[in-house]
Amino acid sequence: MLEGKAVVIDTDMSLEMQAQAMAFASQALDLYEVFDCKSIAAYIKKEFDKMYGPGWQCVVGTSFRCFLPISKELSYIIH
């Protein structure tokens, strides 16, 4: 397991969902190399789909920008 501290900068997720996202990220980092962003994102998405239903998107990396037209009622973001 990687040592370090995750920090949630901005989100509209519940505290429970934030904790679950961090747990899934930690599990993914135990399974995959830290620079294998695609596999880490796929793992987190798969686990969220199982727990909260399909339709989740997950972006993992150090340098990315995105624009997603998401309705405010249905968006959950961790930055």
PDB file of N, CA and C in Angstrom:
ATOM      1  N   MET A   1       0.841  -1.179   0.000  1.00  0.00           N
ATOM      2  CA  MET A   1       0.000   0.000   0.000  1.00  0.00           C
ATOM      3  C   MET A   1       0.885   1.241   0.000  1.00  0.00           C
ATOM      4  N   LEU A   2       0.491   2.231  -0.766  1.00  0.00           N
ATOM      5  CA  LEU A   2       1.210   3.493  -0.787  1.00  0.00           C
ATOM      6  C   LEU A   2       0.920   4.269   0.486  1.00  0.00           C
ATOM      7  N   GLU A   3       1.947   4.871   1.022  1.00  0.00           N
ATOM      8  CA  GLU A   3       1.754   5.728   2.188  1.00  0.00           C
ATOM      9  C   GLU A   3       1.454   7.133   1.694  1.00  0.00           C
ATOM     10  N   GLY A   4       0.572   7.802   2.347  1.00  0.00           N
ATOM     11  CA  GLY A   4       0.232   9.160   1.952  1.00  0.00           C
ATOM     12  C   GLY A   4      -1.144   9.506   2.459  1.00  0.00           C
ATOM     13  N   LYS A   5      -1.565  10.693   2.111  1.00  0.00           N
ATOM     14  CA  LYS A   5      -2.855  11.162   2.591  1.00  0.00           C
ATOM     15  C   LYS A   5      -3.642  11.722   1.422  1.00  0.00           C
ATOM     16  N   ALA A   6      -4.839  11.226   1.251  1.00  0.00           N
ATOM     17  CA  ALA A   6      -5.731  11.746   0.217  1.00  0.00           C
ATOM     18  C   ALA A   6      -6.480  12.939   0.792  1.00  0.00           C
ATOM     19  N   VAL A   7      -6.668  13.937  -0.039  1.00  0.00           N
ATOM     20  CA  VAL A   7      -7.380  15.133   0.374  1.00  0.00           C
ATOM     21  C   VAL A   7      -8.494  15.403  -0.628  1.00  0.00           C
ATOM     22  N   VAL A   8      -9.704  15.529  -0.142  1.00  0.00           N
ATOM     23  CA  VAL A   8     -10.828  15.900  -0.996  1.00  0.00           C
ATOM     24  C   VAL A   8     -10.853  17.422  -1.065  1.00  0.00           C
ATOM     25  N   ILE A   9     -10.691  17.952  -2.274  1.00  0.00           N
ATOM     26  CA  ILE A   9     -10.655  19.402  -2.451  1.00  0.00           C
ATOM     27  C   ILE A   9     -12.053  19.966  -2.656  1.00  0.00           C
ATOM     28  N   ASP A  10     -12.846  19.313  -3.497  1.00  0.00           N
ATOM     29  CA  ASP A  10     -14.173  19.835  -3.805  1.00  0.00           C
ATOM     30  C   ASP A  10     -15.059  18.677  -4.218  1.00  0.00           C
ATOM     31  N   THR A  11     -16.226  18.570  -3.635  1.00  0.00           N
ATOM     32  CA  THR A  11     -17.148  17.502  -3.997  1.00  0.00           C
ATOM     33  C   THR A  11     -18.562  17.858  -3.568  1.00  0.00           C
ATOM     34  N   ASP A  12     -19.517  17.207  -4.209  1.00  0.00           N
ATOM     35  CA  ASP A  12     -20.892  17.300  -3.734  1.00  0.00           C
ATOM     36  C   ASP A  12     -21.383  15.915  -3.316  1.00  0.00           C
ATOM     37  N   MET A  13     -20.446  14.984  -3.107  1.00  0.00           N
ATOM     38  CA  MET A  13     -20.776  13.637  -2.633  1.00  0.00           C
ATOM     39  C   MET A  13     -21.035  13.662  -1.129  1.00  0.00           C
ATOM     40  N   SER A  14     -21.838  12.699  -0.674  1.00  0.00           N
ATOM     41  CA  SER A  14     -22.033  12.534   0.767  1.00  0.00           C
ATOM     42  C   SER A  14     -20.711  12.067   1.387  1.00  0.00           C
ATOM     43  N   LEU A  15     -20.581  12.225   2.694  1.00  0.00           N
ATOM     44  CA  LEU A  15     -19.370  11.762   3.379  1.00  0.00           C
ATOM     45  C   LEU A  15     -19.178  10.261   3.202  1.00  0.00           C
ATOM     46  N   GLU A  16     -20.287   9.517   3.197  1.00  0.00           N
ATOM     47  CA  GLU A  16     -20.215   8.067   2.994  1.00  0.00           C
ATOM     48  C   GLU A  16     -19.636   7.735   1.617  1.00  0.00           C
ATOM     49  N   MET A  17     -20.116   8.420   0.588  1.00  0.00           N
ATOM     50  CA  MET A  17     -19.611   8.169  -0.766  1.00  0.00           C
ATOM     51  C   MET A  17     -18.147   8.587  -0.895  1.00  0.00           C
ATOM     52  N   GLN A  18     -17.769   9.679  -0.249  1.00  0.00           N
ATOM     53  CA  GLN A  18     -16.371  10.100  -0.272  1.00  0.00           C
ATOM     54  C   GLN A  18     -15.479   9.035   0.352  1.00  0.00           C
ATOM     55  N   ALA A  19     -15.900   8.514   1.496  1.00  0.00           N
ATOM     56  CA  ALA A  19     -15.124   7.473   2.172  1.00  0.00           C
ATOM     57  C   ALA A  19     -15.023   6.229   1.299  1.00  0.00           C
ATOM     58  N   GLN A  20     -16.116   5.879   0.628  1.00  0.00           N
ATOM     59  CA  GLN A  20     -16.108   4.712  -0.249  1.00  0.00           C
ATOM     60  C   GLN A  20     -15.180   4.940  -1.438  1.00  0.00           C
ATOM     61  N   ALA A  21     -15.197   6.136  -2.008  1.00  0.00           N
ATOM     62  CA  ALA A  21     -14.304   6.462  -3.126  1.00  0.00           C
ATOM     63  C   ALA A  21     -12.847   6.331  -2.699  1.00  0.00           C
ATOM     64  N   MET A  22     -12.519   6.811  -1.514  1.00  0.00           N
ATOM     65  CA  MET A  22     -11.148   6.708  -1.011  1.00  0.00           C
ATOM     66  C   MET A  22     -10.759   5.250  -0.771  1.00  0.00           C
ATOM     67  N   ALA A  23     -11.694   4.467  -0.252  1.00  0.00           N
ATOM     68  CA  ALA A  23     -11.414   3.049  -0.026  1.00  0.00           C
ATOM     69  C   ALA A  23     -11.173   2.325  -1.344  1.00  0.00           C
ATOM     70  N   PHE A  24     -12.005   2.594  -2.349  1.00  0.00           N
ATOM     71  CA  PHE A  24     -11.820   1.965  -3.659  1.00  0.00           C
ATOM     72  C   PHE A  24     -10.503   2.401  -4.291  1.00  0.00           C
ATOM     73  N   ALA A  25     -10.149   3.669  -4.146  1.00  0.00           N
ATOM     74  CA  ALA A  25      -8.880   4.159  -4.694  1.00  0.00           C
ATOM     75  C   ALA A  25      -7.704   3.464  -4.015  1.00  0.00           C
ATOM     76  N   SER A  26      -7.783   3.297  -2.716  1.00  0.00           N
ATOM     77  CA  SER A  26      -6.728   2.608  -1.977  1.00  0.00           C
ATOM     78  C   SER A  26      -6.594   1.156  -2.430  1.00  0.00           C
ATOM     79  N   GLN A  27      -7.737   0.480  -2.604  1.00  0.00           N
ATOM     80  CA  GLN A  27      -7.713  -0.901  -3.094  1.00  0.00           C
ATOM     81  C   GLN A  27      -7.089  -0.973  -4.481  1.00  0.00           C
ATOM     82  N   ALA A  28      -7.459  -0.033  -5.352  1.00  0.00           N
ATOM     83  CA  ALA A  28      -6.930  -0.016  -6.717  1.00  0.00           C
ATOM     84  C   ALA A  28      -5.420   0.192  -6.707  1.00  0.00           C
ATOM     85  N   LEU A  29      -4.931   1.054  -5.824  1.00  0.00           N
ATOM     86  CA  LEU A  29      -3.494   1.299  -5.743  1.00  0.00           C
ATOM     87  C   LEU A  29      -2.742   0.090  -5.207  1.00  0.00           C
ATOM     88  N   ASP A  30      -3.407  -0.753  -4.426  1.00  0.00           N
ATOM     89  CA  ASP A  30      -2.796  -2.006  -3.985  1.00  0.00           C
ATOM     90  C   ASP A  30      -2.706  -3.015  -5.126  1.00  0.00           C
ATOM     91  N   LEU A  31      -3.623  -2.925  -6.081  1.00  0.00           N
ATOM     92  CA  LEU A  31      -3.688  -3.891  -7.181  1.00  0.00           C
ATOM     93  C   LEU A  31      -2.873  -3.490  -8.406  1.00  0.00           C
ATOM     94  N   TYR A  32      -2.727  -2.196  -8.651  1.00  0.00           N
ATOM     95  CA  TYR A  32      -2.118  -1.711  -9.889  1.00  0.00           C
ATOM     96  C   TYR A  32      -0.956  -0.775  -9.601  1.00  0.00           C
ATOM     97  N   GLU A  33      -0.074  -0.641 -10.577  1.00  0.00           N
ATOM     98  CA  GLU A  33       1.020   0.320 -10.480  1.00  0.00           C
ATOM     99  C   GLU A  33       0.440   1.726 -10.396  1.00  0.00           C
ATOM    100  N   VAL A  34       1.093   2.606  -9.680  1.00  0.00           N
ATOM    101  CA  VAL A  34       0.575   3.948  -9.442  1.00  0.00           C
ATOM    102  C   VAL A  34       0.377   4.744 -10.735  1.00  0.00           C
ATOM    103  N   PHE A  35       1.155   4.464 -11.781  1.00  0.00           N
ATOM    104  CA  PHE A  35       1.016   5.195 -13.040  1.00  0.00           C
ATOM    105  C   PHE A  35       0.055   4.530 -14.020  1.00  0.00           C
ATOM    106  N   ASP A  36      -0.570   3.410 -13.619  1.00  0.00           N
ATOM    107  CA  ASP A  36      -1.548   2.727 -14.475  1.00  0.00           C
ATOM    108  C   ASP A  36      -2.930   3.344 -14.235  1.00  0.00           C
ATOM    109  N   CYS A  37      -3.050   4.603 -14.632  1.00  0.00           N
ATOM    110  CA  CYS A  37      -4.263   5.384 -14.352  1.00  0.00           C
ATOM    111  C   CYS A  37      -5.516   4.759 -14.957  1.00  0.00           C
ATOM    112  N   LYS A  38      -5.377   4.173 -16.140  1.00  0.00           N
ATOM    113  CA  LYS A  38      -6.540   3.580 -16.812  1.00  0.00           C
ATOM    114  C   LYS A  38      -7.118   2.425 -15.988  1.00  0.00           C
ATOM    115  N   SER A  39      -6.264   1.547 -15.488  1.00  0.00           N
ATOM    116  CA  SER A  39      -6.737   0.410 -14.686  1.00  0.00           C
ATOM    117  C   SER A  39      -7.303   0.862 -13.348  1.00  0.00           C
ATOM    118  N   ILE A  40      -6.674   1.856 -12.739  1.00  0.00           N
ATOM    119  CA  ILE A  40      -7.159   2.380 -11.463  1.00  0.00           C
ATOM    120  C   ILE A  40      -8.550   2.986 -11.638  1.00  0.00           C
ATOM    121  N   ALA A  41      -8.724   3.796 -12.681  1.00  0.00           N
ATOM    122  CA  ALA A  41     -10.028   4.411 -12.951  1.00  0.00           C
ATOM    123  C   ALA A  41     -11.081   3.350 -13.246  1.00  0.00           C
ATOM    124  N   ALA A  42     -10.715   2.329 -14.034  1.00  0.00           N
ATOM    125  CA  ALA A  42     -11.662   1.259 -14.370  1.00  0.00           C
ATOM    126  C   ALA A  42     -12.106   0.516 -13.110  1.00  0.00           C
ATOM    127  N   TYR A  43     -11.167   0.257 -12.199  1.00  0.00           N
ATOM    128  CA  TYR A  43     -11.490  -0.439 -10.957  1.00  0.00           C
ATOM    129  C   TYR A  43     -12.471   0.386 -10.113  1.00  0.00           C
ATOM    130  N   ILE A  44     -12.170   1.676  -9.926  1.00  0.00           N
ATOM    131  CA  ILE A  44     -13.036   2.538  -9.118  1.00  0.00           C
ATOM    132  C   ILE A  44     -14.426   2.629  -9.741  1.00  0.00           C
ATOM    133  N   LYS A  45     -14.491   2.813 -11.060  1.00  0.00           N
ATOM    134  CA  LYS A  45     -15.778   2.889 -11.764  1.00  0.00           C
ATOM    135  C   LYS A  45     -16.574   1.603 -11.581  1.00  0.00           C
ATOM    136  N   LYS A  46     -15.914   0.461 -11.756  1.00  0.00           N
ATOM    137  CA  LYS A  46     -16.591  -0.832 -11.621  1.00  0.00           C
ATOM    138  C   LYS A  46     -17.179  -0.995 -10.216  1.00  0.00           C
ATOM    139  N   GLU A  47     -16.417  -0.629  -9.207  1.00  0.00           N
ATOM    140  CA  GLU A  47     -16.893  -0.761  -7.831  1.00  0.00           C
ATOM    141  C   GLU A  47     -18.051   0.201  -7.543  1.00  0.00           C
ATOM    142  N   PHE A  48     -17.974   1.431  -8.058  1.00  0.00           N
ATOM    143  CA  PHE A  48     -19.077   2.374  -7.873  1.00  0.00           C
ATOM    144  C   PHE A  48     -20.321   1.902  -8.614  1.00  0.00           C
ATOM    145  N   ASP A  49     -20.145   1.360  -9.818  1.00  0.00           N
ATOM    146  CA  ASP A  49     -21.288   0.821 -10.561  1.00  0.00           C
ATOM    147  C   ASP A  49     -21.970  -0.294  -9.772  1.00  0.00           C
ATOM    148  N   LYS A  50     -21.173  -1.176  -9.145  1.00  0.00           N
ATOM    149  CA  LYS A  50     -21.748  -2.270  -8.352  1.00  0.00           C
ATOM    150  C   LYS A  50     -22.492  -1.736  -7.127  1.00  0.00           C
ATOM    151  N   MET A  51     -21.920  -0.742  -6.475  1.00  0.00           N
ATOM    152  CA  MET A  51     -22.493  -0.258  -5.224  1.00  0.00           C
ATOM    153  C   MET A  51     -23.648   0.727  -5.429  1.00  0.00           C
ATOM    154  N   TYR A  52     -23.536   1.599  -6.419  1.00  0.00           N
ATOM    155  CA  TYR A  52     -24.501   2.689  -6.570  1.00  0.00           C
ATOM    156  C   TYR A  52     -25.275   2.658  -7.886  1.00  0.00           C
ATOM    157  N   GLY A  53     -25.093   1.628  -8.689  1.00  0.00           N
ATOM    158  CA  GLY A  53     -25.783   1.542  -9.970  1.00  0.00           C
ATOM    159  C   GLY A  53     -24.908   2.051 -11.110  1.00  0.00           C
ATOM    160  N   PRO A  54     -25.264   1.679 -12.340  1.00  0.00           N
ATOM    161  CA  PRO A  54     -24.421   2.010 -13.493  1.00  0.00           C
ATOM    162  C   PRO A  54     -24.457   3.497 -13.850  1.00  0.00           C
ATOM    163  N   GLY A  55     -23.467   3.884 -14.631  1.00  0.00           N
ATOM    164  CA  GLY A  55     -23.437   5.237 -15.169  1.00  0.00           C
ATOM    165  C   GLY A  55     -22.330   6.119 -14.623  1.00  0.00           C
ATOM    166  N   TRP A  56     -21.467   5.586 -13.773  1.00  0.00           N
ATOM    167  CA  TRP A  56     -20.401   6.384 -13.184  1.00  0.00           C
ATOM    168  C   TRP A  56     -19.275   6.610 -14.178  1.00  0.00           C
ATOM    169  N   GLN A  57     -18.628   7.754 -14.052  1.00  0.00           N
ATOM    170  CA  GLN A  57     -17.421   8.050 -14.810  1.00  0.00           C
ATOM    171  C   GLN A  57     -16.319   8.337 -13.806  1.00  0.00           C
ATOM    172  N   CYS A  58     -15.106   7.897 -14.125  1.00  0.00           N
ATOM    173  CA  CYS A  58     -13.985   8.113 -13.227  1.00  0.00           C
ATOM    174  C   CYS A  58     -12.775   8.523 -14.049  1.00  0.00           C
ATOM    175  N   VAL A  59     -12.136   9.602 -13.655  1.00  0.00           N
ATOM    176  CA  VAL A  59     -10.923  10.079 -14.307  1.00  0.00           C
ATOM    177  C   VAL A  59      -9.818  10.074 -13.264  1.00  0.00           C
ATOM    178  N   VAL A  60      -8.702   9.429 -13.594  1.00  0.00           N
ATOM    179  CA  VAL A  60      -7.561   9.355 -12.688  1.00  0.00           C
ATOM    180  C   VAL A  60      -6.342   9.863 -13.432  1.00  0.00           C
ATOM    181  N   GLY A  61      -5.562  10.693 -12.801  1.00  0.00           N
ATOM    182  CA  GLY A  61      -4.345  11.183 -13.438  1.00  0.00           C
ATOM    183  C   GLY A  61      -3.819  12.415 -12.740  1.00  0.00           C
ATOM    184  N   THR A  62      -2.764  12.964 -13.304  1.00  0.00           N
ATOM    185  CA  THR A  62      -2.139  14.137 -12.711  1.00  0.00           C
ATOM    186  C   THR A  62      -2.360  15.395 -13.527  1.00  0.00           C
ATOM    187  N   SER A  63      -2.765  15.246 -14.773  1.00  0.00           N
ATOM    188  CA  SER A  63      -2.921  16.419 -15.628  1.00  0.00           C
ATOM    189  C   SER A  63      -4.062  16.176 -16.604  1.00  0.00           C
ATOM    190  N   PHE A  64      -5.221  16.710 -16.304  1.00  0.00           N
ATOM    191  CA  PHE A  64      -6.362  16.540 -17.199  1.00  0.00           C
ATOM    192  C   PHE A  64      -7.325  17.699 -17.020  1.00  0.00           C
ATOM    193  N   ARG A  65      -8.084  17.940 -18.034  1.00  0.00           N
ATOM    194  CA  ARG A  65      -9.150  18.932 -18.011  1.00  0.00           C
ATOM    195  C   ARG A  65     -10.371  18.269 -18.627  1.00  0.00           C
ATOM    196  N   CYS A  66     -11.534  18.658 -18.181  1.00  0.00           N
ATOM    197  CA  CYS A  66     -12.721  18.074 -18.781  1.00  0.00           C
ATOM    198  C   CYS A  66     -13.877  19.062 -18.731  1.00  0.00           C
ATOM    199  N   PHE A  67     -14.794  18.846 -19.617  1.00  0.00           N
ATOM    200  CA  PHE A  67     -16.058  19.566 -19.608  1.00  0.00           C
ATOM    201  C   PHE A  67     -17.125  18.522 -19.838  1.00  0.00           C
ATOM    202  N   LEU A  68     -17.980  18.346 -18.864  1.00  0.00           N
ATOM    203  CA  LEU A  68     -19.064  17.385 -18.983  1.00  0.00           C
ATOM    204  C   LEU A  68     -20.368  18.102 -18.683  1.00  0.00           C
ATOM    205  N   PRO A  69     -21.291  18.091 -19.626  1.00  0.00           N
ATOM    206  CA  PRO A  69     -22.590  18.715 -19.357  1.00  0.00           C
ATOM    207  C   PRO A  69     -23.420  17.810 -18.445  1.00  0.00           C
ATOM    208  N   ILE A  70     -23.310  18.024 -17.147  1.00  0.00           N
ATOM    209  CA  ILE A  70     -23.963  17.172 -16.158  1.00  0.00           C
ATOM    210  C   ILE A  70     -25.024  17.995 -15.443  1.00  0.00           C
ATOM    211  N   SER A  71     -26.180  17.380 -15.236  1.00  0.00           N
ATOM    212  CA  SER A  71     -27.199  18.091 -14.467  1.00  0.00           C
ATOM    213  C   SER A  71     -26.767  18.139 -13.008  1.00  0.00           C
ATOM    214  N   LYS A  72     -26.998  19.230 -12.355  1.00  0.00           N
ATOM    215  CA  LYS A  72     -26.572  19.417 -10.967  1.00  0.00           C
ATOM    216  C   LYS A  72     -27.187  18.370 -10.044  1.00  0.00           C
ATOM    217  N   GLU A  73     -28.398  17.943 -10.333  1.00  0.00           N
ATOM    218  CA  GLU A  73     -29.070  16.972  -9.472  1.00  0.00           C
ATOM    219  C   GLU A  73     -28.390  15.606  -9.502  1.00  0.00           C
ATOM    220  N   LEU A  74     -27.691  15.294 -10.571  1.00  0.00           N
ATOM    221  CA  LEU A  74     -27.124  13.961 -10.730  1.00  0.00           C
ATOM    222  C   LEU A  74     -25.609  13.939 -10.666  1.00  0.00           C
ATOM    223  N   SER A  75     -24.963  15.038 -10.358  1.00  0.00           N
ATOM    224  CA  SER A  75     -23.505  15.069 -10.406  1.00  0.00           C
ATOM    225  C   SER A  75     -22.897  14.809  -9.036  1.00  0.00           C
ATOM    226  N   TYR A  76     -21.833  14.043  -9.033  1.00  0.00           N
ATOM    227  CA  TYR A  76     -21.016  13.822  -7.848  1.00  0.00           C
ATOM    228  C   TYR A  76     -19.579  13.951  -8.308  1.00  0.00           C
ATOM    229  N   ILE A  77     -18.852  14.880  -7.730  1.00  0.00           N
ATOM    230  CA  ILE A  77     -17.507  15.166  -8.201  1.00  0.00           C
ATOM    231  C   ILE A  77     -16.556  15.200  -7.017  1.00  0.00           C
ATOM    232  N   ILE A  78     -15.410  14.551  -7.184  1.00  0.00           N
ATOM    233  CA  ILE A  78     -14.300  14.720  -6.243  1.00  0.00           C
ATOM    234  C   ILE A  78     -13.170  15.309  -7.052  1.00  0.00           C
ATOM    235  N   HIS A  79     -12.627  16.412  -6.583  1.00  0.00           N
ATOM    236  CA  HIS A  79     -11.501  17.043  -7.266  1.00  0.00           C
ATOM    237  C   HIS A  79     -10.333  17.053  -6.319  1.00  0.00           C
TER     238      HIS A  79
END
